[in-house]
PDB file of N, CA and C in Angstrom:
ATOM      1  N   UNK A   1      76.631 -33.597 120.702  1.00  0.00           N
ATOM      2  CA  UNK A   1      77.040 -34.420 119.641  1.00  0.00           C
ATOM      3  C   UNK A   1      77.840 -33.541 118.481  1.00  0.00           C
ATOM      4  N   UNK A   2      78.861 -33.891 118.013  1.00  0.00           N
ATOM      5  CA  UNK A   2      79.601 -33.082 117.064  1.00  0.00           C
ATOM      6  C   UNK A   2      79.030 -33.405 115.788  1.00  0.00           C
ATOM      7  N   UNK A   3      78.968 -32.260 114.775  1.00  0.00           N
ATOM      8  CA  UNK A   3      78.435 -32.520 113.540  1.00  0.00           C
ATOM      9  C   UNK A   3      79.341 -33.149 112.634  1.00  0.00           C
ATOM     10  N   UNK A   4      80.555 -33.508 113.061  1.00  0.00           N
ATOM     11  CA  UNK A   4      81.541 -34.300 112.166  1.00  0.00           C
ATOM     12  C   UNK A   4      81.262 -35.810 112.493  1.00  0.00           C
ATOM     13  N   UNK A   5      80.213 -36.125 113.101  1.00  0.00           N
ATOM     14  CA  UNK A   5      79.906 -37.541 113.304  1.00  0.00           C
ATOM     15  C   UNK A   5      78.882 -37.921 112.351  1.00  0.00           C
ATOM     16  N   UNK A   6      79.337 -38.989 111.497  1.00  0.00           N
ATOM     17  CA  UNK A   6      78.444 -39.231 110.263  1.00  0.00           C
ATOM     18  C   UNK A   6      76.971 -39.618 110.602  1.00  0.00           C
ATOM     19  N   UNK A   7      77.034 -40.413 111.632  1.00  0.00           N
ATOM     20  CA  UNK A   7      75.512 -41.011 112.091  1.00  0.00           C
ATOM     21  C   UNK A   7      74.582 -39.681 112.549  1.00  0.00           C
ATOM     22  N   UNK A   8      75.237 -38.784 113.149  1.00  0.00           N
ATOM     23  CA  UNK A   8      74.472 -37.685 113.617  1.00  0.00           C
ATOM     24  C   UNK A   8      74.073 -36.724 112.476  1.00  0.00           C
ATOM     25  N   UNK A   9      74.957 -36.489 111.489  1.00  0.00           N
ATOM     26  CA  UNK A   9      74.700 -35.754 110.282  1.00  0.00           C
ATOM     27  C   UNK A   9      73.661 -36.496 109.521  1.00  0.00           C
ATOM     28  N   UNK A  10      73.624 -37.791 109.521  1.00  0.00           N
ATOM     29  CA  UNK A  10      72.624 -38.588 108.671  1.00  0.00           C
ATOM     30  C   UNK A  10      71.270 -38.240 109.347  1.00  0.00           C
ATOM     31  N   UNK A  11      71.082 -38.389 110.662  1.00  0.00           N
ATOM     32  CA  UNK A  11      69.906 -38.158 111.226  1.00  0.00           C
ATOM     33  C   UNK A  11      69.396 -36.687 111.053  1.00  0.00           C
ATOM     34  N   UNK A  12      70.276 -35.754 111.097  1.00  0.00           N
ATOM     35  CA  UNK A  12      69.974 -34.332 110.896  1.00  0.00           C
ATOM     36  C   UNK A  12      69.426 -34.062 109.412  1.00  0.00           C
ATOM     37  N   UNK A  13      70.223 -34.494 108.421  1.00  0.00           N
ATOM     38  CA  UNK A  13      69.817 -34.042 107.044  1.00  0.00           C
ATOM     39  C   UNK A  13      69.324 -35.204 106.197  1.00  0.00           C
ATOM     40  N   UNK A  14      69.456 -36.440 106.646  1.00  0.00           N
ATOM     41  CA  UNK A  14      69.028 -37.506 105.732  1.00  0.00           C
ATOM     42  C   UNK A  14      70.149 -38.134 105.058  1.00  0.00           C
ATOM     43  N   UNK A  15      69.926 -39.458 104.807  1.00  0.00           N
ATOM     44  CA  UNK A  15      71.083 -40.166 104.103  1.00  0.00           C
ATOM     45  C   UNK A  15      71.520 -39.717 102.673  1.00  0.00           C
ATOM     46  N   UNK A  16      70.485 -39.452 101.846  1.00  0.00           N
ATOM     47  CA  UNK A  16      70.705 -38.841 100.439  1.00  0.00           C
ATOM     48  C   UNK A  16      71.618 -37.666 100.500  1.00  0.00           C
ATOM     49  N   UNK A  17      71.095 -36.680 101.315  1.00  0.00           N
ATOM     50  CA  UNK A  17      71.785 -35.320 101.347  1.00  0.00           C
ATOM     51  C   UNK A  17      73.140 -35.608 101.940  1.00  0.00           C
ATOM     52  N   UNK A  18      73.331 -36.497 103.020  1.00  0.00           N
ATOM     53  CA  UNK A  18      74.686 -36.776 103.453  1.00  0.00           C
ATOM     54  C   UNK A  18      75.619 -37.421 102.431  1.00  0.00           C
ATOM     55  N   UNK A  19      75.192 -38.398 101.734  1.00  0.00           N
ATOM     56  CA  UNK A  19      76.009 -39.008 100.591  1.00  0.00           C
ATOM     57  C   UNK A  19      76.355 -37.837  99.569  1.00  0.00           C
ATOM     58  N   UNK A  20      75.539 -37.003  99.225  1.00  0.00           N
ATOM     59  CA  UNK A  20      75.942 -35.924  98.417  1.00  0.00           C
ATOM     60  C   UNK A  20      76.983 -35.001  98.884  1.00  0.00           C
ATOM     61  N   UNK A  21      76.943 -34.708 100.127  1.00  0.00           N
ATOM     62  CA  UNK A  21      77.907 -33.980 100.776  1.00  0.00           C
ATOM     63  C   UNK A  21      79.304 -34.747 100.838  1.00  0.00           C
ATOM     64  N   UNK A  22      79.222 -35.939 101.267  1.00  0.00           N
ATOM     65  CA  UNK A  22      80.379 -36.733 101.396  1.00  0.00           C
ATOM     66  C   UNK A  22      81.128 -36.917 100.074  1.00  0.00           C
ATOM     67  N   UNK A  23      80.306 -37.271  99.046  1.00  0.00           N
ATOM     68  CA  UNK A  23      80.920 -37.457  97.680  1.00  0.00           C
ATOM     69  C   UNK A  23      81.555 -36.192  97.110  1.00  0.00           C
ATOM     70  N   UNK A  24      80.926 -35.082  97.417  1.00  0.00           N
ATOM     71  CA  UNK A  24      81.480 -33.850  96.766  1.00  0.00           C
ATOM     72  C   UNK A  24      82.501 -33.196  97.644  1.00  0.00           C
ATOM     73  N   UNK A  25      82.198 -33.135  99.021  1.00  0.00           N
ATOM     74  CA  UNK A  25      83.093 -32.299 100.034  1.00  0.00           C
ATOM     75  C   UNK A  25      83.616 -32.898 101.047  1.00  0.00           C
ATOM     76  N   UNK A  26      83.695 -34.348 100.810  1.00  0.00           N
ATOM     77  CA  UNK A  26      84.274 -35.192 101.993  1.00  0.00           C
ATOM     78  C   UNK A  26      85.711 -34.789 102.244  1.00  0.00           C
ATOM     79  N   UNK A  27      85.963 -34.557 103.607  1.00  0.00           N
ATOM     80  CA  UNK A  27      87.373 -34.199 104.128  1.00  0.00           C
ATOM     81  C   UNK A  27      87.469 -32.742 104.050  1.00  0.00           C
ATOM     82  N   UNK A  28      86.422 -31.930 103.850  1.00  0.00           N
ATOM     83  CA  UNK A  28      86.467 -30.461 103.837  1.00  0.00           C
ATOM     84  C   UNK A  28      85.773 -29.820 104.963  1.00  0.00           C
ATOM     85  N   UNK A  29      86.047 -28.547 105.290  1.00  0.00           N
ATOM     86  CA  UNK A  29      85.430 -27.782 106.321  1.00  0.00           C
ATOM     87  C   UNK A  29      84.472 -26.798 105.386  1.00  0.00           C
ATOM     88  N   UNK A  30      83.282 -26.794 105.623  1.00  0.00           N
ATOM     89  CA  UNK A  30      82.305 -25.896 104.994  1.00  0.00           C
ATOM     90  C   UNK A  30      81.594 -24.929 105.989  1.00  0.00           C
ATOM     91  N   UNK A  31      81.403 -23.600 105.524  1.00  0.00           N
ATOM     92  CA  UNK A  31      80.827 -22.565 106.286  1.00  0.00           C
ATOM     93  C   UNK A  31      79.288 -22.808 106.061  1.00  0.00           C
ATOM     94  N   UNK A  32      78.458 -22.824 107.153  1.00  0.00           N
ATOM     95  CA  UNK A  32      77.028 -22.852 106.968  1.00  0.00           C
ATOM     96  C   UNK A  32      76.509 -21.529 107.341  1.00  0.00           C
ATOM     97  N   UNK A  33      75.621 -21.142 106.149  1.00  0.00           N
ATOM     98  CA  UNK A  33      75.032 -19.704 106.389  1.00  0.00           C
ATOM     99  C   UNK A  33      74.004 -19.740 107.537  1.00  0.00           C
ATOM    100  N   UNK A  34      73.843 -18.509 108.033  1.00  0.00           N
ATOM    101  CA  UNK A  34      72.885 -18.313 109.133  1.00  0.00           C
ATOM    102  C   UNK A  34      71.523 -18.263 108.608  1.00  0.00           C
ATOM    103  N   UNK A  35      71.094 -17.942 107.440  1.00  0.00           N
ATOM    104  CA  UNK A  35      69.812 -17.821 106.912  1.00  0.00           C
ATOM    105  C   UNK A  35      69.784 -18.611 105.593  1.00  0.00           C
ATOM    106  N   UNK A  36      68.571 -19.003 105.101  1.00  0.00           N
ATOM    107  CA  UNK A  36      68.416 -19.542 103.894  1.00  0.00           C
ATOM    108  C   UNK A  36      68.085 -18.286 103.126  1.00  0.00           C
ATOM    109  N   UNK A  37      68.051 -18.502 101.752  1.00  0.00           N
ATOM    110  CA  UNK A  37      68.642 -19.620 101.034  1.00  0.00           C
ATOM    111  C   UNK A  37      70.180 -19.721 101.078  1.00  0.00           C
ATOM    112  N   UNK A  38      70.727 -20.929 100.897  1.00  0.00           N
ATOM    113  CA  UNK A  38      72.114 -21.147 100.875  1.00  0.00           C
ATOM    114  C   UNK A  38      72.542 -20.785  99.451  1.00  0.00           C
ATOM    115  N   UNK A  39      73.813 -20.283  99.439  1.00  0.00           N
ATOM    116  CA  UNK A  39      74.455 -20.171  98.089  1.00  0.00           C
ATOM    117  C   UNK A  39      75.792 -20.883  98.331  1.00  0.00           C
ATOM    118  N   UNK A  40      76.439 -21.230  97.137  1.00  0.00           N
ATOM    119  CA  UNK A  40      77.610 -21.898  97.095  1.00  0.00           C
ATOM    120  C   UNK A  40      77.434 -23.475  97.245  1.00  0.00           C
ATOM    121  N   UNK A  41      78.425 -24.073  97.976  1.00  0.00           N
ATOM    122  CA  UNK A  41      78.329 -25.543  97.907  1.00  0.00           C
ATOM    123  C   UNK A  41      77.065 -26.357  98.443  1.00  0.00           C
ATOM    124  N   UNK A  42      76.460 -25.673  99.268  1.00  0.00           N
ATOM    125  CA  UNK A  42      75.163 -26.286  99.838  1.00  0.00           C
ATOM    126  C   UNK A  42      73.892 -26.171  99.211  1.00  0.00           C
ATOM    127  N   UNK A  43      73.901 -25.291  98.130  1.00  0.00           N
ATOM    128  CA  UNK A  43      72.590 -24.918  97.620  1.00  0.00           C
ATOM    129  C   UNK A  43      72.051 -26.029  96.844  1.00  0.00           C
ATOM    130  N   UNK A  44      72.618 -27.084  96.641  1.00  0.00           N
ATOM    131  CA  UNK A  44      71.965 -28.240  95.771  1.00  0.00           C
ATOM    132  C   UNK A  44      71.361 -29.322  96.705  1.00  0.00           C
ATOM    133  N   UNK A  45      71.537 -29.096  98.002  1.00  0.00           N
ATOM    134  CA  UNK A  45      70.821 -30.018  98.951  1.00  0.00           C
ATOM    135  C   UNK A  45      69.387 -29.641  98.989  1.00  0.00           C
ATOM    136  N   UNK A  46      68.552 -30.744  99.338  1.00  0.00           N
ATOM    137  CA  UNK A  46      67.067 -30.440  99.438  1.00  0.00           C
ATOM    138  C   UNK A  46      66.819 -29.465 100.583  1.00  0.00           C
ATOM    139  N   UNK A  47      65.693 -28.730 100.248  1.00  0.00           N
ATOM    140  CA  UNK A  47      65.283 -27.571 101.299  1.00  0.00           C
ATOM    141  C   UNK A  47      65.302 -28.141 102.788  1.00  0.00           C
ATOM    142  N   UNK A  48      64.638 -29.417 103.119  1.00  0.00           N
ATOM    143  CA  UNK A  48      64.679 -29.724 104.412  1.00  0.00           C
ATOM    144  C   UNK A  48      66.001 -29.877 105.087  1.00  0.00           C
ATOM    145  N   UNK A  49      67.036 -30.467 104.230  1.00  0.00           N
ATOM    146  CA  UNK A  49      68.391 -30.631 104.749  1.00  0.00           C
ATOM    147  C   UNK A  49      69.018 -29.240 104.928  1.00  0.00           C
ATOM    148  N   UNK A  50      68.804 -28.182 104.166  1.00  0.00           N
ATOM    149  CA  UNK A  50      69.347 -26.979 104.359  1.00  0.00           C
ATOM    150  C   UNK A  50      68.709 -26.339 105.490  1.00  0.00           C
ATOM    151  N   UNK A  51      67.411 -26.560 105.573  1.00  0.00           N
ATOM    152  CA  UNK A  51      66.867 -25.805 106.955  1.00  0.00           C
ATOM    153  C   UNK A  51      67.338 -26.370 108.252  1.00  0.00           C
ATOM    154  N   UNK A  52      67.564 -27.816 108.174  1.00  0.00           N
ATOM    155  CA  UNK A  52      68.272 -28.550 109.400  1.00  0.00           C
ATOM    156  C   UNK A  52      69.670 -28.055 109.641  1.00  0.00           C
ATOM    157  N   UNK A  53      70.496 -27.876 108.615  1.00  0.00           N
ATOM    158  CA  UNK A  53      71.768 -27.378 108.858  1.00  0.00           C
ATOM    159  C   UNK A  53      71.682 -26.053 109.301  1.00  0.00           C
ATOM    160  N   UNK A  54      70.953 -25.146 108.712  1.00  0.00           N
ATOM    161  CA  UNK A  54      70.876 -23.818 109.092  1.00  0.00           C
ATOM    162  C   UNK A  54      70.473 -23.590 110.587  1.00  0.00           C
ATOM    163  N   UNK A  55      69.432 -24.377 111.001  1.00  0.00           N
ATOM    164  CA  UNK A  55      68.880 -24.296 112.434  1.00  0.00           C
ATOM    165  C   UNK A  55      69.962 -24.823 113.332  1.00  0.00           C
ATOM    166  N   UNK A  56      70.753 -25.854 113.011  1.00  0.00           N
ATOM    167  CA  UNK A  56      71.557 -26.320 113.985  1.00  0.00           C
ATOM    168  C   UNK A  56      73.007 -25.678 114.041  1.00  0.00           C
ATOM    169  N   UNK A  57      73.366 -25.384 112.753  1.00  0.00           N
ATOM    170  CA  UNK A  57      74.817 -24.995 112.787  1.00  0.00           C
ATOM    171  C   UNK A  57      74.979 -23.603 111.964  1.00  0.00           C
ATOM    172  N   UNK A  58      74.012 -22.898 111.627  1.00  0.00           N
ATOM    173  CA  UNK A  58      74.035 -21.600 111.080  1.00  0.00           C
ATOM    174  C   UNK A  58      74.969 -20.698 111.694  1.00  0.00           C
ATOM    175  N   UNK A  59      76.006 -20.163 110.748  1.00  0.00           N
ATOM    176  CA  UNK A  59      76.909 -19.060 111.266  1.00  0.00           C
ATOM    177  C   UNK A  59      78.199 -19.819 111.536  1.00  0.00           C
ATOM    178  N   UNK A  60      78.282 -21.178 111.514  1.00  0.00           N
ATOM    179  CA  UNK A  60      79.544 -21.897 111.997  1.00  0.00           C
ATOM    180  C   UNK A  60      80.183 -22.653 110.820  1.00  0.00           C
ATOM    181  N   UNK A  61      81.288 -23.372 111.008  1.00  0.00           N
ATOM    182  CA  UNK A  61      81.844 -24.027 110.045  1.00  0.00           C
ATOM    183  C   UNK A  61      81.780 -25.572 110.490  1.00  0.00           C
ATOM    184  N   UNK A  62      81.492 -26.564 109.564  1.00  0.00           N
ATOM    185  CA  UNK A  62      81.474 -27.813 109.932  1.00  0.00           C
ATOM    186  C   UNK A  62      82.417 -28.694 109.080  1.00  0.00           C
ATOM    187  N   UNK A  63      83.026 -29.879 109.606  1.00  0.00           N
ATOM    188  CA  UNK A  63      83.612 -30.802 108.840  1.00  0.00           C
ATOM    189  C   UNK A  63      82.683 -31.764 108.255  1.00  0.00           C
ATOM    190  N   UNK A  64      82.961 -31.949 106.886  1.00  0.00           N
ATOM    191  CA  UNK A  64      82.183 -32.923 106.142  1.00  0.00           C
ATOM    192  C   UNK A  64      82.987 -34.225 106.105  1.00  0.00           C
ATOM    193  N   UNK A  65      82.598 -35.399 106.872  1.00  0.00           N
ATOM    194  CA  UNK A  65      83.529 -36.501 106.918  1.00  0.00           C
ATOM    195  C   UNK A  65      83.630 -37.122 105.496  1.00  0.00           C
ATOM    196  N   UNK A  66      84.596 -37.805 105.331  1.00  0.00           N
ATOM    197  CA  UNK A  66      84.916 -38.722 104.099  1.00  0.00           C
ATOM    198  C   UNK A  66      84.242 -39.954 104.251  1.00  0.00           C
ATOM    199  N   UNK A  67      83.761 -40.569 103.058  1.00  0.00           N
ATOM    200  CA  UNK A  67      83.128 -41.794 103.150  1.00  0.00           C
ATOM    201  C   UNK A  67      84.296 -42.902 102.925  1.00  0.00           C
ATOM    202  N   UNK A  68      84.985 -42.967 103.955  1.00  0.00           N
ATOM    203  CA  UNK A  68      86.352 -43.691 104.065  1.00  0.00           C
ATOM    204  C   UNK A  68      86.056 -45.235 103.717  1.00  0.00           C
ATOM    205  N   UNK A  69      84.892 -45.853 104.079  1.00  0.00           N
ATOM    206  CA  UNK A  69      84.622 -47.262 103.839  1.00  0.00           C
ATOM    207  C   UNK A  69      84.527 -47.471 102.294  1.00  0.00           C
ATOM    208  N   UNK A  70      83.779 -46.496 101.656  1.00  0.00           N
ATOM    209  CA  UNK A  70      83.730 -46.700 100.211  1.00  0.00           C
ATOM    210  C   UNK A  70      85.114 -46.342  99.472  1.00  0.00           C
ATOM    211  N   UNK A  71      85.819 -45.362  99.985  1.00  0.00           N
ATOM    212  CA  UNK A  71      87.102 -45.024  99.476  1.00  0.00           C
ATOM    213  C   UNK A  71      88.032 -46.241  99.616  1.00  0.00           C
ATOM    214  N   UNK A  72      88.100 -46.802 100.802  1.00  0.00           N
ATOM    215  CA  UNK A  72      88.913 -47.953 101.109  1.00  0.00           C
ATOM    216  C   UNK A  72      88.738 -49.071 100.149  1.00  0.00           C
ATOM    217  N   UNK A  73      87.304 -49.446  99.991  1.00  0.00           N
ATOM    218  CA  UNK A  73      86.900 -50.453  99.129  1.00  0.00           C
ATOM    219  C   UNK A  73      87.414 -50.327  97.654  1.00  0.00           C
ATOM    220  N   UNK A  74      87.296 -49.057  97.159  1.00  0.00           N
ATOM    221  CA  UNK A  74      87.692 -48.794  95.832  1.00  0.00           C
ATOM    222  C   UNK A  74      89.263 -48.883  95.788  1.00  0.00           C
ATOM    223  N   UNK A  75      89.932 -48.489  96.769  1.00  0.00           N
ATOM    224  CA  UNK A  75      91.290 -48.554  96.737  1.00  0.00           C
ATOM    225  C   UNK A  75      91.739 -49.968  96.791  1.00  0.00           C
ATOM    226  N   UNK A  76      91.043 -50.917  97.574  1.00  0.00           N
ATOM    227  CA  UNK A  76      91.596 -52.280  97.648  1.00  0.00           C
ATOM    228  C   UNK A  76      91.238 -53.093  96.423  1.00  0.00           C
ATOM    229  N   UNK A  77      90.216 -52.723  95.698  1.00  0.00           N
ATOM    230  CA  UNK A  77      89.919 -53.258  94.310  1.00  0.00           C
ATOM    231  C   UNK A  77      90.747 -52.846  93.369  1.00  0.00           C
ATOM    232  N   UNK A  78      91.329 -51.642  93.427  1.00  0.00           N
ATOM    233  CA  UNK A  78      92.292 -51.139  92.397  1.00  0.00           C
ATOM    234  C   UNK A  78      93.670 -51.913  92.769  1.00  0.00           C
ATOM    235  N   UNK A  79      93.928 -52.089  93.987  1.00  0.00           N
ATOM    236  CA  UNK A  79      95.190 -52.857  94.226  1.00  0.00           C
ATOM    237  C   UNK A  79      95.048 -54.410  93.893  1.00  0.00           C
ATOM    238  N   UNK A  80      93.971 -54.957  94.017  1.00  0.00           N
ATOM    239  CA  UNK A  80      93.773 -56.364  93.478  1.00  0.00           C
ATOM    240  C   UNK A  80      93.981 -56.359  92.014  1.00  0.00           C
ATOM    241  N   UNK A  81      93.202 -55.357  91.335  1.00  0.00           N
ATOM    242  CA  UNK A  81      93.396 -55.339  89.802  1.00  0.00           C
ATOM    243  C   UNK A  81      94.722 -55.077  89.362  1.00  0.00           C
ATOM    244  N   UNK A  82      95.579 -54.290  90.018  1.00  0.00           N
ATOM    245  CA  UNK A  82      96.875 -54.122  89.695  1.00  0.00           C
ATOM    246  C   UNK A  82      97.727 -55.448  89.750  1.00  0.00           C
ATOM    247  N   UNK A  83      97.566 -55.966  91.047  1.00  0.00           N
ATOM    248  CA  UNK A  83      98.330 -57.169  91.089  1.00  0.00           C
ATOM    249  C   UNK A  83      97.900 -58.269  90.193  1.00  0.00           C
ATOM    250  N   UNK A  84      96.593 -58.462  89.937  1.00  0.00           N
ATOM    251  CA  UNK A  84      96.140 -59.368  88.902  1.00  0.00           C
ATOM    252  C   UNK A  84      96.750 -58.983  87.624  1.00  0.00           C
ATOM    253  N   UNK A  85      96.876 -57.792  87.356  1.00  0.00           N
ATOM    254  CA  UNK A  85      97.420 -57.394  85.962  1.00  0.00           C
ATOM    255  C   UNK A  85      98.996 -57.613  85.877  1.00  0.00           C
ATOM    256  N   UNK A  86      99.600 -58.063  86.880  1.00  0.00           N
ATOM    257  CA  UNK A  86     100.963 -58.266  86.859  1.00  0.00           C
ATOM    258  C   UNK A  86     102.005 -57.278  87.614  1.00  0.00           C
ATOM    259  N   UNK A  87     101.389 -56.364  88.265  1.00  0.00           N
ATOM    260  CA  UNK A  87     102.163 -55.307  88.863  1.00  0.00           C
ATOM    261  C   UNK A  87     102.911 -55.846  90.109  1.00  0.00           C
ATOM    262  N   UNK A  88     103.976 -55.450  90.553  1.00  0.00           N
ATOM    263  CA  UNK A  88     104.640 -56.042  91.639  1.00  0.00           C
ATOM    264  C   UNK A  88     104.022 -55.428  93.078  1.00  0.00           C
ATOM    265  N   UNK A  89     104.210 -56.188  94.069  1.00  0.00           N
ATOM    266  CA  UNK A  89     103.592 -55.725  95.354  1.00  0.00           C
ATOM    267  C   UNK A  89     104.408 -54.524  95.861  1.00  0.00           C
ATOM    268  N   UNK A  90     105.607 -54.431  95.604  1.00  0.00           N
ATOM    269  CA  UNK A  90     106.430 -53.278  95.884  1.00  0.00           C
ATOM    270  C   UNK A  90     106.038 -52.021  95.173  1.00  0.00           C
ATOM    271  N   UNK A  91     105.830 -52.253  93.922  1.00  0.00           N
ATOM    272  CA  UNK A  91     105.330 -51.029  93.126  1.00  0.00           C
ATOM    273  C   UNK A  91     103.917 -50.495  93.691  1.00  0.00           C
ATOM    274  N   UNK A  92     103.018 -51.576  93.795  1.00  0.00           N
ATOM    275  CA  UNK A  92     101.648 -51.267  94.432  1.00  0.00           C
ATOM    276  C   UNK A  92     101.734 -50.462  95.772  1.00  0.00           C
ATOM    277  N   UNK A  93     102.684 -50.939  96.479  1.00  0.00           N
ATOM    278  CA  UNK A  93     102.773 -50.397  97.897  1.00  0.00           C
ATOM    279  C   UNK A  93     103.363 -48.889  97.810  1.00  0.00           C
ATOM    280  N   UNK A  94     104.323 -48.711  96.932  1.00  0.00           N
ATOM    281  CA  UNK A  94     104.726 -47.435  96.646  1.00  0.00           C
ATOM    282  C   UNK A  94     103.757 -46.376  96.068  1.00  0.00           C
ATOM    283  N   UNK A  95     102.998 -46.963  95.204  1.00  0.00           N
ATOM    284  CA  UNK A  95     101.903 -46.011  94.552  1.00  0.00           C
ATOM    285  C   UNK A  95     100.703 -45.700  95.627  1.00  0.00           C
ATOM    286  N   UNK A  96     100.380 -46.614  96.504  1.00  0.00           N
ATOM    287  CA  UNK A  96      99.301 -46.316  97.389  1.00  0.00           C
ATOM    288  C   UNK A  96      99.918 -45.908  98.787  1.00  0.00           C
ATOM    289  N   UNK A  97     101.187 -45.698  98.818  1.00  0.00           N
ATOM    290  CA  UNK A  97     101.680 -45.247 100.204  1.00  0.00           C
ATOM    291  C   UNK A  97     101.400 -46.340 101.358  1.00  0.00           C
ATOM    292  N   UNK A  98     101.563 -47.518 101.116  1.00  0.00           N
ATOM    293  CA  UNK A  98     101.309 -48.514 102.065  1.00  0.00           C
ATOM    294  C   UNK A  98     102.619 -49.367 102.098  1.00  0.00           C
ATOM    295  N   UNK A  99     102.541 -50.115 103.134  1.00  0.00           N
ATOM    296  CA  UNK A  99     103.766 -51.164 103.382  1.00  0.00           C
ATOM    297  C   UNK A  99     103.342 -52.339 102.514  1.00  0.00           C
ATOM    298  N   UNK A 100     104.448 -53.088 102.146  1.00  0.00           N
ATOM    299  CA  UNK A 100     104.213 -54.322 101.293  1.00  0.00           C
ATOM    300  C   UNK A 100     103.463 -55.263 102.115  1.00  0.00           C
ATOM    301  N   UNK A 101     103.636 -55.426 103.456  1.00  0.00           N
ATOM    302  CA  UNK A 101     102.842 -56.280 104.187  1.00  0.00           C
ATOM    303  C   UNK A 101     101.299 -55.894 104.291  1.00  0.00           C
ATOM    304  N   UNK A 102     101.109 -54.682 104.232  1.00  0.00           N
ATOM    305  CA  UNK A 102      99.686 -54.359 104.206  1.00  0.00           C
ATOM    306  C   UNK A 102      99.006 -54.672 102.918  1.00  0.00           C
ATOM    307  N   UNK A 103      99.780 -54.502 101.783  1.00  0.00           N
ATOM    308  CA  UNK A 103      99.396 -54.822 100.509  1.00  0.00           C
ATOM    309  C   UNK A 103      98.864 -56.376 100.457  1.00  0.00           C
ATOM    310  N   UNK A 104      99.857 -57.139 101.043  1.00  0.00           N
ATOM    311  CA  UNK A 104      99.588 -58.579 101.093  1.00  0.00           C
ATOM    312  C   UNK A 104      98.412 -58.847 101.880  1.00  0.00           C
ATOM    313  N   UNK A 105      98.196 -58.143 102.878  1.00  0.00           N
ATOM    314  CA  UNK A 105      96.950 -58.219 103.714  1.00  0.00           C
ATOM    315  C   UNK A 105      95.750 -58.027 102.775  1.00  0.00           C
ATOM    316  N   UNK A 106      95.769 -56.899 102.136  1.00  0.00           N
ATOM    317  CA  UNK A 106      94.613 -56.689 101.215  1.00  0.00           C
ATOM    318  C   UNK A 106      94.393 -57.758 100.401  1.00  0.00           C
ATOM    319  N   UNK A 107      95.439 -58.227  99.664  1.00  0.00           N
ATOM    320  CA  UNK A 107      95.327 -59.288  98.771  1.00  0.00           C
ATOM    321  C   UNK A 107      94.807 -60.576  99.199  1.00  0.00           C
ATOM    322  N   UNK A 108      95.087 -60.818 100.661  1.00  0.00           N
ATOM    323  CA  UNK A 108      94.605 -62.175 101.032  1.00  0.00           C
ATOM    324  C   UNK A 108      93.327 -61.997 101.642  1.00  0.00           C
ATOM    325  N   UNK A 109      92.709 -60.869 101.740  1.00  0.00           N
ATOM    326  CA  UNK A 109      91.436 -60.844 102.149  1.00  0.00           C
ATOM    327  C   UNK A 109      90.372 -61.367 101.222  1.00  0.00           C
ATOM    328  N   UNK A 110      89.255 -61.922 101.754  1.00  0.00           N
ATOM    329  CA  UNK A 110      88.107 -62.315 100.813  1.00  0.00           C
ATOM    330  C   UNK A 110      87.407 -60.971 100.341  1.00  0.00           C
ATOM    331  N   UNK A 111      86.962 -61.057  99.109  1.00  0.00           N
ATOM    332  CA  UNK A 111      86.332 -59.732  98.600  1.00  0.00           C
ATOM    333  C   UNK A 111      84.988 -59.364  99.258  1.00  0.00           C
TER     334      UNK A 111
END
């Protein structure tokens, strides 16, 4: 099982630690130290999460997945707000690098 699988990472280090990683480092590759204590980006994780990462992936680099579902929901809410504020679909599509058709799809979905 690959460490870039969100479900596996959650089982390995716990949901809270995973959310912390995804919010701060989502979409990045991080080097995991071979030994504790960690320094750098992972030092804020709880000790059990650090130990689990060190035991499983110490000395390697892992990809921290993005929380795409949350990112997408925030983007869609911003698109709806822009449209409700009077911005054109064409302008919204350009700003978010989407097609106009996709913007209409987002606008027509229930919240």
